[in-house]
Amino acid sequence: MPDDIAGVPTHPLIVHIPVVMVPLALIAVIAYLAIKPWRRPLAWVAGALSAGGAVGAVLAASTGESLRERVRVTEAVEEHAEMGETARLLAFIFFVVVAALVIYQEVRSRHVEPVDAAVQPPGESHRERRVVSLVRHRLVAPVLAALLIVTGGAAVWSLVAAGHAGAKITWEKIDQP
């Protein structure tokens, strides 16, 4: 990836990908939890947004490392870099949990009938029945919902904190004579 685009460092441009996509993914997750008829499409929307946010976080960290080689490294720059690494990790964890939501939603929507352990539908393996039984367990939905909110909230918070630290470095530098 180039270090700059038309003279502007790539990093401040790229960071907007996760800064926009991860919060939108969290909003899609909240809508998924609140609007039952829209769950299937909202799971896919959240999945796409969280995937884009995770990729954007990886690219932001990469371009940040490149930019770091071109600036004077201070304690604030080091702190911002650490926050960026945390944001990248949390964006990826959120993506993994949202991917689990998409899988959960797809398995659940394709197997609407209750699973009867004594009767195996034609073409369905024992493993498939076990997966469907697991998805139908009464604790899966609330645990998944809690993980989505916690990991999404943590990812958004870490992105805000890292972004604030980066902006503070930039604007303090500009304000100095």
N, C-alpha and C. Protein backbone atom coordinates (compact mmCIF):
# COMPACT_ATOMS: atom_id res chain seq x y z
N MET A 1 0.85 -1.17 0.00
CA MET A 1 0.00 0.00 0.00
C MET A 1 0.90 1.24 0.00
N PRO A 2 0.54 2.24 -0.78
CA PRO A 2 1.38 3.44 -0.84
C PRO A 2 1.38 4.18 0.50
N ASP A 3 2.49 4.86 0.76
CA ASP A 3 2.62 5.63 2.00
C ASP A 3 1.77 6.89 1.99
N ASP A 4 1.50 7.42 0.78
CA ASP A 4 0.64 8.60 0.70
C ASP A 4 -0.15 8.59 -0.60
N ILE A 5 -1.24 9.35 -0.57
CA ILE A 5 -2.09 9.52 -1.74
C ILE A 5 -2.21 11.01 -1.99
N ALA A 6 -1.67 11.45 -3.11
CA ALA A 6 -1.67 12.87 -3.48
C ALA A 6 -1.05 13.73 -2.37
N GLY A 7 0.00 13.21 -1.76
CA GLY A 7 0.71 13.97 -0.73
C GLY A 7 0.14 13.83 0.67
N VAL A 8 -1.01 13.18 0.83
CA VAL A 8 -1.62 12.97 2.14
C VAL A 8 -1.24 11.57 2.62
N PRO A 9 -0.72 11.47 3.85
CA PRO A 9 -0.39 10.12 4.36
C PRO A 9 -1.61 9.19 4.29
N THR A 10 -1.38 7.96 3.93
CA THR A 10 -2.46 6.99 3.76
C THR A 10 -3.16 6.67 5.08
N HIS A 11 -2.43 6.65 6.18
CA HIS A 11 -2.99 6.23 7.47
C HIS A 11 -4.24 7.01 7.88
N PRO A 12 -4.22 8.34 7.89
CA PRO A 12 -5.44 9.04 8.31
C PRO A 12 -6.62 8.83 7.35
N LEU A 13 -6.35 8.43 6.14
CA LEU A 13 -7.44 8.12 5.22
C LEU A 13 -8.02 6.73 5.50
N ILE A 14 -7.14 5.77 5.69
CA ILE A 14 -7.55 4.37 5.90
C ILE A 14 -8.26 4.17 7.23
N VAL A 15 -7.85 4.91 8.27
CA VAL A 15 -8.46 4.68 9.59
C VAL A 15 -9.97 4.92 9.58
N HIS A 16 -10.45 5.65 8.59
CA HIS A 16 -11.89 5.90 8.53
C HIS A 16 -12.70 4.66 8.16
N ILE A 17 -12.04 3.67 7.58
CA ILE A 17 -12.75 2.43 7.24
C ILE A 17 -13.27 1.74 8.52
N PRO A 18 -12.39 1.39 9.48
CA PRO A 18 -12.93 0.76 10.69
C PRO A 18 -13.72 1.72 11.56
N VAL A 19 -13.36 3.00 11.54
CA VAL A 19 -14.06 3.99 12.37
C VAL A 19 -15.53 4.11 11.94
N VAL A 20 -15.81 3.88 10.69
CA VAL A 20 -17.19 3.94 10.19
C VAL A 20 -17.84 2.55 10.24
N MET A 21 -17.14 1.53 9.78
CA MET A 21 -17.76 0.22 9.59
C MET A 21 -18.03 -0.53 10.90
N VAL A 22 -17.14 -0.44 11.87
CA VAL A 22 -17.36 -1.19 13.12
C VAL A 22 -18.56 -0.63 13.89
N PRO A 23 -18.69 0.69 14.07
CA PRO A 23 -19.91 1.17 14.73
C PRO A 23 -21.19 0.85 13.95
N LEU A 24 -21.13 0.92 12.61
CA LEU A 24 -22.30 0.54 11.82
C LEU A 24 -22.64 -0.94 12.01
N ALA A 25 -21.61 -1.78 12.13
CA ALA A 25 -21.85 -3.21 12.40
C ALA A 25 -22.52 -3.39 13.76
N LEU A 26 -22.08 -2.62 14.75
CA LEU A 26 -22.70 -2.71 16.07
C LEU A 26 -24.16 -2.24 16.00
N ILE A 27 -24.44 -1.20 15.24
CA ILE A 27 -25.82 -0.74 15.07
C ILE A 27 -26.65 -1.84 14.39
N ALA A 28 -26.09 -2.50 13.40
CA ALA A 28 -26.79 -3.61 12.73
C ALA A 28 -27.06 -4.76 13.70
N VAL A 29 -26.11 -5.02 14.59
CA VAL A 29 -26.28 -6.07 15.60
C VAL A 29 -27.42 -5.69 16.55
N ILE A 30 -27.43 -4.45 16.99
CA ILE A 30 -28.50 -4.00 17.90
C ILE A 30 -29.86 -4.09 17.19
N ALA A 31 -29.90 -3.69 15.92
CA ALA A 31 -31.14 -3.82 15.15
C ALA A 31 -31.54 -5.29 15.02
N TYR A 32 -30.55 -6.16 14.79
CA TYR A 32 -30.81 -7.60 14.70
C TYR A 32 -31.48 -8.09 15.99
N LEU A 33 -30.96 -7.67 17.12
CA LEU A 33 -31.50 -8.11 18.40
C LEU A 33 -32.90 -7.53 18.66
N ALA A 34 -33.18 -6.35 18.10
CA ALA A 34 -34.44 -5.67 18.38
C ALA A 34 -35.56 -5.97 17.38
N ILE A 35 -35.22 -6.27 16.14
CA ILE A 35 -36.24 -6.39 15.08
C ILE A 35 -36.26 -7.82 14.54
N LYS A 36 -37.07 -8.65 15.15
CA LYS A 36 -37.09 -10.08 14.83
C LYS A 36 -37.34 -10.39 13.35
N PRO A 37 -38.30 -9.74 12.66
CA PRO A 37 -38.54 -10.10 11.26
C PRO A 37 -37.35 -9.82 10.33
N TRP A 38 -36.47 -8.95 10.71
CA TRP A 38 -35.34 -8.57 9.85
C TRP A 38 -34.05 -9.29 10.22
N ARG A 39 -34.11 -10.26 11.08
CA ARG A 39 -32.88 -10.86 11.62
C ARG A 39 -31.96 -11.44 10.57
N ARG A 40 -32.49 -12.20 9.64
CA ARG A 40 -31.61 -12.85 8.67
C ARG A 40 -30.83 -11.83 7.83
N PRO A 41 -31.48 -10.84 7.21
CA PRO A 41 -30.68 -9.86 6.44
C PRO A 41 -29.77 -9.02 7.32
N LEU A 42 -30.22 -8.69 8.53
CA LEU A 42 -29.38 -7.87 9.41
C LEU A 42 -28.14 -8.63 9.87
N ALA A 43 -28.25 -9.94 10.02
CA ALA A 43 -27.06 -10.74 10.38
C ALA A 43 -26.02 -10.62 9.27
N TRP A 44 -26.48 -10.70 8.02
CA TRP A 44 -25.55 -10.59 6.89
C TRP A 44 -24.97 -9.18 6.77
N VAL A 45 -25.78 -8.16 7.02
CA VAL A 45 -25.29 -6.78 6.98
C VAL A 45 -24.23 -6.58 8.06
N ALA A 46 -24.52 -7.06 9.27
CA ALA A 46 -23.55 -6.95 10.36
C ALA A 46 -22.27 -7.71 10.03
N GLY A 47 -22.42 -8.88 9.40
CA GLY A 47 -21.25 -9.67 9.01
C GLY A 47 -20.38 -8.94 8.00
N ALA A 48 -21.01 -8.36 6.98
CA ALA A 48 -20.24 -7.64 5.96
C ALA A 48 -19.56 -6.41 6.55
N LEU A 49 -20.30 -5.66 7.37
CA LEU A 49 -19.71 -4.45 7.98
C LEU A 49 -18.57 -4.80 8.94
N SER A 50 -18.76 -5.84 9.75
CA SER A 50 -17.69 -6.20 10.70
C SER A 50 -16.47 -6.75 9.97
N ALA A 51 -16.70 -7.46 8.86
CA ALA A 51 -15.56 -7.95 8.06
C ALA A 51 -14.80 -6.77 7.47
N GLY A 52 -15.53 -5.82 6.90
CA GLY A 52 -14.88 -4.62 6.37
C GLY A 52 -14.15 -3.84 7.45
N GLY A 53 -14.76 -3.76 8.62
CA GLY A 53 -14.11 -3.06 9.74
C GLY A 53 -12.84 -3.76 10.20
N ALA A 54 -12.87 -5.09 10.24
CA ALA A 54 -11.68 -5.83 10.66
C ALA A 54 -10.56 -5.68 9.63
N VAL A 55 -10.90 -5.77 8.35
CA VAL A 55 -9.89 -5.57 7.30
C VAL A 55 -9.36 -4.15 7.36
N GLY A 56 -10.27 -3.19 7.55
CA GLY A 56 -9.85 -1.79 7.67
C GLY A 56 -8.93 -1.56 8.86
N ALA A 57 -9.19 -2.25 9.96
CA ALA A 57 -8.34 -2.12 11.15
C ALA A 57 -6.94 -2.68 10.88
N VAL A 58 -6.88 -3.78 10.14
CA VAL A 58 -5.57 -4.35 9.77
C VAL A 58 -4.82 -3.38 8.87
N LEU A 59 -5.51 -2.82 7.88
CA LEU A 59 -4.88 -1.86 6.98
C LEU A 59 -4.46 -0.59 7.72
N ALA A 60 -5.29 -0.14 8.66
CA ALA A 60 -4.95 1.06 9.44
C ALA A 60 -3.69 0.82 10.27
N ALA A 61 -3.59 -0.35 10.87
CA ALA A 61 -2.39 -0.67 11.66
C ALA A 61 -1.17 -0.73 10.76
N SER A 62 -1.32 -1.32 9.59
CA SER A 62 -0.20 -1.43 8.65
C SER A 62 0.26 -0.06 8.18
N THR A 63 -0.69 0.79 7.79
CA THR A 63 -0.32 2.13 7.33
C THR A 63 0.20 2.98 8.48
N GLY A 64 -0.28 2.71 9.68
CA GLY A 64 0.23 3.41 10.86
C GLY A 64 1.68 3.07 11.13
N GLU A 65 2.03 1.80 10.96
CA GLU A 65 3.43 1.39 11.14
C GLU A 65 4.32 2.06 10.10
N SER A 66 3.82 2.17 8.90
CA SER A 66 4.57 2.84 7.84
C SER A 66 4.75 4.32 8.14
N LEU A 67 3.70 4.97 8.61
CA LEU A 67 3.77 6.39 8.96
C LEU A 67 4.71 6.61 10.15
N ARG A 68 4.69 5.69 11.07
CA ARG A 68 5.53 5.80 12.28
C ARG A 68 7.01 5.87 11.92
N GLU A 69 7.40 5.23 10.82
CA GLU A 69 8.80 5.28 10.38
C GLU A 69 9.18 6.66 9.85
N ARG A 70 8.18 7.48 9.52
CA ARG A 70 8.44 8.79 8.93
C ARG A 70 8.28 9.95 9.90
N VAL A 71 7.82 9.70 11.12
CA VAL A 71 7.61 10.77 12.09
C VAL A 71 8.51 10.57 13.30
N ARG A 72 8.62 11.64 14.09
CA ARG A 72 9.38 11.55 15.34
C ARG A 72 8.54 10.76 16.34
N VAL A 73 9.10 9.66 16.83
CA VAL A 73 8.36 8.79 17.74
C VAL A 73 8.46 9.34 19.16
N THR A 74 7.31 9.68 19.71
CA THR A 74 7.21 10.19 21.07
C THR A 74 6.42 9.20 21.91
N GLU A 75 6.30 9.51 23.18
CA GLU A 75 5.52 8.66 24.06
C GLU A 75 4.05 8.62 23.60
N ALA A 76 3.53 9.76 23.13
CA ALA A 76 2.15 9.81 22.64
C ALA A 76 1.97 8.96 21.39
N VAL A 77 2.97 8.96 20.51
CA VAL A 77 2.91 8.14 19.30
C VAL A 77 2.93 6.66 19.68
N GLU A 78 3.78 6.29 20.62
CA GLU A 78 3.84 4.89 21.09
C GLU A 78 2.51 4.47 21.70
N GLU A 79 1.92 5.35 22.51
CA GLU A 79 0.64 5.04 23.14
C GLU A 79 -0.45 4.87 22.08
N HIS A 80 -0.46 5.75 21.09
CA HIS A 80 -1.43 5.65 20.00
C HIS A 80 -1.25 4.33 19.23
N ALA A 81 -0.01 3.95 18.99
CA ALA A 81 0.27 2.70 18.28
C ALA A 81 -0.25 1.49 19.07
N GLU A 82 -0.05 1.50 20.38
CA GLU A 82 -0.55 0.41 21.22
C GLU A 82 -2.08 0.37 21.20
N MET A 83 -2.69 1.55 21.26
CA MET A 83 -4.15 1.61 21.20
C MET A 83 -4.66 1.09 19.85
N GLY A 84 -3.93 1.40 18.80
CA GLY A 84 -4.30 0.91 17.47
C GLY A 84 -4.21 -0.60 17.38
N GLU A 85 -3.18 -1.17 18.00
CA GLU A 85 -3.06 -2.64 18.03
C GLU A 85 -4.22 -3.27 18.78
N THR A 86 -4.62 -2.66 19.89
CA THR A 86 -5.77 -3.15 20.66
C THR A 86 -7.04 -3.04 19.83
N ALA A 87 -7.21 -1.91 19.15
CA ALA A 87 -8.40 -1.71 18.31
C ALA A 87 -8.45 -2.76 17.20
N ARG A 88 -7.30 -3.04 16.60
CA ARG A 88 -7.25 -4.06 15.54
C ARG A 88 -7.68 -5.42 16.10
N LEU A 89 -7.16 -5.80 17.25
CA LEU A 89 -7.50 -7.07 17.86
C LEU A 89 -8.99 -7.14 18.20
N LEU A 90 -9.51 -6.09 18.81
CA LEU A 90 -10.92 -6.09 19.20
C LEU A 90 -11.85 -6.07 17.99
N ALA A 91 -11.47 -5.38 16.93
CA ALA A 91 -12.27 -5.39 15.70
C ALA A 91 -12.31 -6.80 15.12
N PHE A 92 -11.19 -7.50 15.18
CA PHE A 92 -11.14 -8.88 14.67
C PHE A 92 -11.99 -9.81 15.55
N ILE A 93 -11.90 -9.66 16.87
CA ILE A 93 -12.70 -10.49 17.77
C ILE A 93 -14.19 -10.24 17.53
N PHE A 94 -14.57 -8.97 17.38
CA PHE A 94 -15.96 -8.64 17.08
C PHE A 94 -16.40 -9.30 15.77
N PHE A 95 -15.55 -9.26 14.76
CA PHE A 95 -15.87 -9.92 13.49
C PHE A 95 -16.11 -11.41 13.69
N VAL A 96 -15.27 -12.07 14.48
CA VAL A 96 -15.44 -13.51 14.72
C VAL A 96 -16.78 -13.80 15.39
N VAL A 97 -17.15 -12.97 16.36
CA VAL A 97 -18.43 -13.18 17.05
C VAL A 97 -19.59 -12.91 16.10
N VAL A 98 -19.47 -11.89 15.25
CA VAL A 98 -20.54 -11.62 14.27
C VAL A 98 -20.60 -12.76 13.25
N ALA A 99 -19.48 -13.32 12.87
CA ALA A 99 -19.48 -14.48 11.96
C ALA A 99 -20.22 -15.65 12.62
N ALA A 100 -20.03 -15.83 13.93
CA ALA A 100 -20.78 -16.86 14.66
C ALA A 100 -22.27 -16.56 14.62
N LEU A 101 -22.63 -15.28 14.70
CA LEU A 101 -24.04 -14.88 14.59
C LEU A 101 -24.61 -15.26 13.23
N VAL A 102 -23.87 -15.00 12.17
CA VAL A 102 -24.34 -15.32 10.82
C VAL A 102 -24.56 -16.83 10.70
N ILE A 103 -23.62 -17.61 11.17
CA ILE A 103 -23.75 -19.07 11.13
C ILE A 103 -24.96 -19.51 11.96
N TYR A 104 -25.07 -18.97 13.16
CA TYR A 104 -26.20 -19.27 14.05
C TYR A 104 -27.52 -18.98 13.34
N GLN A 105 -27.62 -17.78 12.76
CA GLN A 105 -28.86 -17.36 12.11
C GLN A 105 -29.18 -18.26 10.91
N GLU A 106 -28.18 -18.61 10.12
CA GLU A 106 -28.42 -19.46 8.95
C GLU A 106 -28.86 -20.87 9.36
N VAL A 107 -28.19 -21.44 10.34
CA VAL A 107 -28.57 -22.79 10.79
C VAL A 107 -29.98 -22.74 11.37
N ARG A 108 -30.24 -21.74 12.16
CA ARG A 108 -31.55 -21.60 12.80
C ARG A 108 -32.66 -21.40 11.75
N SER A 109 -32.41 -20.58 10.75
CA SER A 109 -33.45 -20.31 9.76
C SER A 109 -33.70 -21.49 8.82
N ARG A 110 -32.72 -22.35 8.65
CA ARG A 110 -32.89 -23.51 7.76
C ARG A 110 -33.48 -24.72 8.46
N HIS A 111 -33.49 -24.71 9.77
CA HIS A 111 -34.02 -25.84 10.55
C HIS A 111 -35.07 -25.32 11.51
N VAL A 112 -36.22 -24.97 10.97
CA VAL A 112 -37.27 -24.37 11.79
C VAL A 112 -38.05 -25.41 12.59
N GLU A 113 -38.08 -26.65 12.15
CA GLU A 113 -38.80 -27.66 12.88
C GLU A 113 -37.99 -28.09 14.10
N PRO A 114 -38.65 -28.47 15.20
CA PRO A 114 -37.91 -28.97 16.37
C PRO A 114 -37.15 -30.24 16.01
N VAL A 115 -36.01 -30.41 16.62
CA VAL A 115 -35.18 -31.58 16.34
C VAL A 115 -35.65 -32.73 17.23
N ASP A 116 -35.99 -33.84 16.60
CA ASP A 116 -36.37 -35.04 17.32
C ASP A 116 -35.21 -36.02 17.19
N ALA A 117 -34.60 -36.34 18.32
CA ALA A 117 -33.41 -37.20 18.32
C ALA A 117 -33.72 -38.60 17.78
N ALA A 118 -34.97 -39.06 17.90
CA ALA A 118 -35.31 -40.40 17.46
C ALA A 118 -35.50 -40.48 15.94
N VAL A 119 -35.90 -39.35 15.33
CA VAL A 119 -36.18 -39.34 13.89
C VAL A 119 -35.13 -38.48 13.19
N GLN A 120 -34.39 -39.12 12.31
CA GLN A 120 -33.36 -38.39 11.57
C GLN A 120 -33.90 -38.10 10.17
N PRO A 121 -34.01 -36.80 9.80
CA PRO A 121 -34.49 -36.49 8.46
C PRO A 121 -33.55 -37.07 7.40
N PRO A 122 -34.09 -37.43 6.23
CA PRO A 122 -33.25 -38.01 5.18
C PRO A 122 -32.16 -37.04 4.75
N GLY A 123 -30.95 -37.56 4.60
CA GLY A 123 -29.83 -36.74 4.14
C GLY A 123 -29.17 -35.92 5.22
N GLU A 124 -29.65 -35.96 6.44
CA GLU A 124 -29.06 -35.17 7.51
C GLU A 124 -28.19 -36.09 8.39
N SER A 125 -26.95 -35.73 8.55
CA SER A 125 -26.02 -36.56 9.32
C SER A 125 -26.20 -36.33 10.82
N HIS A 126 -25.59 -37.22 11.56
CA HIS A 126 -25.61 -37.10 13.02
C HIS A 126 -24.95 -35.79 13.44
N ARG A 127 -23.86 -35.42 12.77
CA ARG A 127 -23.16 -34.18 13.09
C ARG A 127 -24.07 -32.96 12.86
N GLU A 128 -24.80 -32.96 11.75
CA GLU A 128 -25.72 -31.85 11.46
C GLU A 128 -26.79 -31.75 12.54
N ARG A 129 -27.32 -32.89 12.96
CA ARG A 129 -28.34 -32.88 14.02
C ARG A 129 -27.76 -32.31 15.31
N ARG A 130 -26.52 -32.64 15.62
CA ARG A 130 -25.89 -32.12 16.84
C ARG A 130 -25.70 -30.61 16.75
N VAL A 131 -25.31 -30.11 15.58
CA VAL A 131 -25.15 -28.67 15.40
C VAL A 131 -26.48 -27.97 15.57
N VAL A 132 -27.52 -28.51 14.95
CA VAL A 132 -28.86 -27.92 15.07
C VAL A 132 -29.32 -27.96 16.52
N SER A 133 -29.07 -29.06 17.22
CA SER A 133 -29.44 -29.15 18.63
C SER A 133 -28.70 -28.10 19.45
N LEU A 134 -27.43 -27.90 19.17
CA LEU A 134 -26.65 -26.90 19.88
C LEU A 134 -27.22 -25.50 19.62
N VAL A 135 -27.51 -25.20 18.36
CA VAL A 135 -28.05 -23.89 18.01
C VAL A 135 -29.38 -23.65 18.71
N ARG A 136 -30.16 -24.70 18.88
CA ARG A 136 -31.47 -24.57 19.52
C ARG A 136 -31.38 -24.54 21.05
N HIS A 137 -30.21 -24.74 21.62
CA HIS A 137 -30.08 -24.71 23.08
C HIS A 137 -30.51 -23.34 23.59
N ARG A 138 -31.21 -23.32 24.69
CA ARG A 138 -31.81 -22.07 25.19
C ARG A 138 -30.79 -21.03 25.63
N LEU A 139 -29.57 -21.42 25.92
CA LEU A 139 -28.56 -20.45 26.36
C LEU A 139 -27.77 -19.83 25.22
N VAL A 140 -27.83 -20.42 24.03
CA VAL A 140 -27.00 -19.93 22.92
C VAL A 140 -27.37 -18.50 22.55
N ALA A 141 -28.64 -18.22 22.37
CA ALA A 141 -29.07 -16.87 21.94
C ALA A 141 -28.67 -15.78 22.94
N PRO A 142 -28.96 -15.94 24.24
CA PRO A 142 -28.57 -14.86 25.16
C PRO A 142 -27.05 -14.72 25.32
N VAL A 143 -26.32 -15.83 25.28
CA VAL A 143 -24.86 -15.75 25.38
C VAL A 143 -24.29 -15.07 24.15
N LEU A 144 -24.79 -15.44 22.98
CA LEU A 144 -24.33 -14.81 21.74
C LEU A 144 -24.67 -13.32 21.74
N ALA A 145 -25.86 -12.96 22.18
CA ALA A 145 -26.26 -11.54 22.26
C ALA A 145 -25.32 -10.77 23.18
N ALA A 146 -25.01 -11.34 24.32
CA ALA A 146 -24.11 -10.66 25.26
C ALA A 146 -22.71 -10.51 24.66
N LEU A 147 -22.22 -11.56 24.02
CA LEU A 147 -20.89 -11.48 23.39
C LEU A 147 -20.86 -10.43 22.28
N LEU A 148 -21.94 -10.34 21.51
CA LEU A 148 -22.02 -9.35 20.43
C LEU A 148 -21.95 -7.93 20.99
N ILE A 149 -22.73 -7.66 22.02
CA ILE A 149 -22.76 -6.31 22.59
C ILE A 149 -21.43 -5.97 23.26
N VAL A 150 -20.87 -6.91 24.01
CA VAL A 150 -19.61 -6.65 24.71
C VAL A 150 -18.46 -6.47 23.73
N THR A 151 -18.32 -7.39 22.77
CA THR A 151 -17.19 -7.27 21.83
C THR A 151 -17.37 -6.08 20.89
N GLY A 152 -18.61 -5.83 20.47
CA GLY A 152 -18.87 -4.66 19.61
C GLY A 152 -18.61 -3.35 20.35
N GLY A 153 -19.10 -3.28 21.57
CA GLY A 153 -18.86 -2.07 22.38
C GLY A 153 -17.38 -1.85 22.64
N ALA A 154 -16.67 -2.93 22.96
CA ALA A 154 -15.23 -2.82 23.21
C ALA A 154 -14.48 -2.39 21.95
N ALA A 155 -14.86 -2.94 20.81
CA ALA A 155 -14.21 -2.57 19.54
C ALA A 155 -14.44 -1.10 19.22
N VAL A 156 -15.69 -0.65 19.37
CA VAL A 156 -16.00 0.75 19.09
C VAL A 156 -15.25 1.66 20.06
N TRP A 157 -15.27 1.31 21.34
CA TRP A 157 -14.58 2.13 22.35
C TRP A 157 -13.08 2.22 22.03
N SER A 158 -12.47 1.11 21.68
CA SER A 158 -11.03 1.12 21.40
C SER A 158 -10.71 1.93 20.15
N LEU A 159 -11.58 1.88 19.16
CA LEU A 159 -11.38 2.69 17.95
C LEU A 159 -11.49 4.17 18.27
N VAL A 160 -12.46 4.53 19.09
CA VAL A 160 -12.62 5.93 19.49
C VAL A 160 -11.40 6.40 20.27
N ALA A 161 -10.94 5.58 21.21
CA ALA A 161 -9.78 5.95 22.03
C ALA A 161 -8.53 6.10 21.17
N ALA A 162 -8.29 5.15 20.27
CA ALA A 162 -7.11 5.23 19.40
C ALA A 162 -7.22 6.42 18.46
N GLY A 163 -8.41 6.65 17.92
CA GLY A 163 -8.61 7.78 17.03
C GLY A 163 -8.43 9.11 17.73
N HIS A 164 -8.93 9.20 18.94
CA HIS A 164 -8.76 10.43 19.72
C HIS A 164 -7.28 10.69 20.00
N ALA A 165 -6.56 9.64 20.38
CA ALA A 165 -5.12 9.79 20.66
C ALA A 165 -4.38 10.23 19.40
N GLY A 166 -4.72 9.65 18.25
CA GLY A 166 -4.07 10.04 17.00
C GLY A 166 -4.39 11.47 16.61
N ALA A 167 -5.66 11.85 16.75
CA ALA A 167 -6.05 13.22 16.41
C ALA A 167 -5.38 14.22 17.34
N LYS A 168 -5.27 13.87 18.60
CA LYS A 168 -4.63 14.75 19.58
C LYS A 168 -3.16 14.99 19.21
N ILE A 169 -2.48 13.94 18.80
CA ILE A 169 -1.08 14.07 18.36
C ILE A 169 -1.00 15.02 17.17
N THR A 170 -1.87 14.83 16.21
CA THR A 170 -1.86 15.64 15.00
C THR A 170 -2.17 17.09 15.29
N TRP A 171 -3.23 17.33 16.04
CA TRP A 171 -3.66 18.71 16.27
C TRP A 171 -2.74 19.44 17.24
N GLU A 172 -2.17 18.76 18.23
CA GLU A 172 -1.20 19.42 19.12
C GLU A 172 0.03 19.83 18.33
N LYS A 173 0.42 19.00 17.38
CA LYS A 173 1.57 19.30 16.53
C LYS A 173 1.30 20.54 15.67
N ILE A 174 0.08 20.64 15.16
CA ILE A 174 -0.28 21.78 14.32
C ILE A 174 -0.38 23.07 15.14
N ASP A 175 -0.90 22.97 16.38
CA ASP A 175 -1.07 24.14 17.23
C ASP A 175 0.24 24.73 17.72
N GLN A 176 1.30 23.93 17.74
CA GLN A 176 2.58 24.43 18.23
C GLN A 176 3.24 25.33 17.19
N PRO A 177 3.88 26.41 17.66
CA PRO A 177 4.54 27.32 16.69
C PRO A 177 5.77 26.70 16.07
